[in-house]
Amino acid sequence: MKLLLDENLSDRIVPQLFDLYPGSSHVKAHQLIRTDDAVIWSFAQQHGFAIVSKDADFHQRSLVHGAPPKFIFLRVGNGPTSRITQLLRAEFAMLSAFDADPNAAILILS
């Protein structure tokens, strides 16, 4: 599973996840900072990413449009980057099952 981290998450997380989520990236790496959510959605869809964000707008978009792309909604509030990294690493099995489920579109982690 390739993750595309939204701008509300630090780009420093990506290198810490490469061993579990190879090919993952951050919107910053694709010049998608301050870009409309629809553009990020389309980019993720075209390039096989699952979007990871704390942005409720992606949650709404996922409810309306479904997958692809799949959406991982982080309902964790503000906190250190290490907390997000630990959560994504700790929930690897759950994210793998989510990725493998053709009917799943949204995964909420808290």
Protein backbone atom coordinates (compact mmCIF):
# COMPACT_ATOMS: atom_id res chain seq x y z
CA MET A 1 0.00 0.00 0.00
CA LYS A 2 1.33 3.40 -1.03
CA LEU A 3 0.33 6.26 1.24
CA LEU A 4 0.01 9.88 0.14
CA LEU A 5 0.25 12.10 3.21
CA ASP A 6 -1.71 15.34 3.10
CA GLU A 7 -0.16 18.70 3.92
CA ASN A 8 -1.62 18.65 7.45
CA LEU A 9 0.92 15.90 8.22
CA SER A 10 4.67 16.32 8.31
CA ASP A 11 6.68 15.18 5.30
CA ARG A 12 9.24 13.86 7.82
CA ILE A 13 6.92 10.90 8.44
CA VAL A 14 7.40 9.38 4.99
CA PRO A 15 11.00 8.13 5.35
CA GLN A 16 10.05 6.49 8.65
CA LEU A 17 7.40 4.39 6.89
CA PHE A 18 9.25 3.23 3.76
CA ASP A 19 9.94 -0.23 5.16
CA LEU A 20 6.21 -0.92 5.65
CA TYR A 21 4.68 1.30 2.98
CA PRO A 22 7.13 1.40 0.04
CA GLY A 23 6.42 4.04 -2.57
CA SER A 24 4.67 6.32 -0.10
CA SER A 25 4.98 10.06 -0.49
CA HIS A 26 3.84 13.47 0.70
CA VAL A 27 1.86 16.02 -1.29
CA LYS A 28 4.84 18.39 -0.93
CA ALA A 29 6.95 16.06 -3.09
CA HIS A 30 4.46 16.47 -5.93
CA GLN A 31 3.97 20.24 -5.65
CA LEU A 32 0.44 19.72 -4.29
CA ILE A 33 0.69 22.01 -1.25
CA ARG A 34 -2.27 24.40 -0.98
CA THR A 35 -3.97 22.52 -3.81
CA ASP A 36 -7.68 21.87 -4.07
CA ASP A 37 -8.71 18.55 -2.51
CA ALA A 38 -10.17 17.42 -5.84
CA VAL A 39 -6.73 17.70 -7.47
CA ILE A 40 -5.10 15.67 -4.69
CA TRP A 41 -7.91 13.12 -4.93
CA SER A 42 -7.40 12.76 -8.67
CA PHE A 43 -3.61 12.53 -8.30
CA ALA A 44 -3.93 9.77 -5.68
CA GLN A 45 -6.41 7.92 -7.87
CA GLN A 46 -4.18 8.11 -10.96
CA HIS A 47 -1.03 7.04 -9.12
CA GLY A 48 -2.39 4.29 -6.87
CA PHE A 49 -2.08 6.08 -3.53
CA ALA A 50 -4.28 5.88 -0.46
CA ILE A 51 -4.73 9.36 1.02
CA VAL A 52 -3.82 9.86 4.69
CA SER A 53 -5.14 13.04 6.27
CA LYS A 54 -6.71 14.70 9.29
CA ASP A 55 -8.90 16.71 6.89
CA ALA A 56 -12.62 15.98 7.26
CA ASP A 57 -13.17 17.24 3.69
CA PHE A 58 -11.50 14.09 2.36
CA HIS A 59 -13.78 12.07 4.60
CA GLN A 60 -16.81 13.69 2.98
CA ARG A 61 -15.36 13.24 -0.51
CA SER A 62 -14.77 9.55 0.21
CA LEU A 63 -18.35 9.11 1.41
CA VAL A 64 -19.66 10.68 -1.80
CA HIS A 65 -17.25 9.19 -4.35
CA GLY A 66 -16.02 5.98 -2.73
CA ALA A 67 -12.73 4.40 -3.71
CA PRO A 68 -10.37 4.66 -5.40
CA PRO A 69 -8.51 6.23 -3.83
CA LYS A 70 -8.92 4.76 -0.42
CA PHE A 71 -8.87 7.23 2.45
CA ILE A 72 -7.31 6.87 5.90
CA PHE A 73 -8.80 9.45 8.23
CA LEU A 74 -6.61 10.24 11.23
CA ARG A 75 -8.77 11.49 14.07
CA VAL A 76 -5.92 12.19 16.43
CA GLY A 77 -5.97 15.96 16.94
CA ASN A 78 -2.74 17.89 17.23
CA GLY A 79 0.28 16.06 18.47
CA PRO A 80 3.85 15.20 17.67
CA THR A 81 4.86 13.70 14.34
CA SER A 82 6.13 10.66 16.22
CA ARG A 83 2.55 9.86 17.30
CA ILE A 84 1.36 9.69 13.67
CA THR A 85 4.35 7.57 12.71
CA GLN A 86 3.77 5.18 15.61
CA LEU A 87 0.05 4.90 14.78
CA LEU A 88 0.65 4.07 11.11
CA ARG A 89 3.32 1.55 12.03
CA ALA A 90 1.26 -0.05 14.82
CA GLU A 91 -1.79 -0.41 12.57
CA PHE A 92 0.08 -1.95 9.62
CA ALA A 93 -1.97 -5.18 9.75
CA MET A 94 -5.22 -3.22 9.81
CA LEU A 95 -4.11 -1.01 6.90
CA SER A 96 -3.05 -4.09 4.92
CA ALA A 97 -6.48 -5.69 5.45
CA PHE A 98 -8.14 -2.39 4.49
CA ASP A 99 -6.05 -2.24 1.31
CA ALA A 100 -6.96 -5.82 0.41
CA ASP A 101 -10.71 -5.28 0.87
CA PRO A 102 -12.16 -4.21 -2.51
CA ASN A 103 -15.30 -2.86 -0.81
CA ALA A 104 -13.52 -0.67 1.78
CA ALA A 105 -13.15 3.04 1.05
CA ILE A 106 -12.56 4.70 4.44
CA LEU A 107 -10.53 3.68 7.46
CA ILE A 108 -10.69 5.84 10.58
CA LEU A 109 -7.76 5.67 12.98
CA SER A 110 -7.75 7.37 16.36
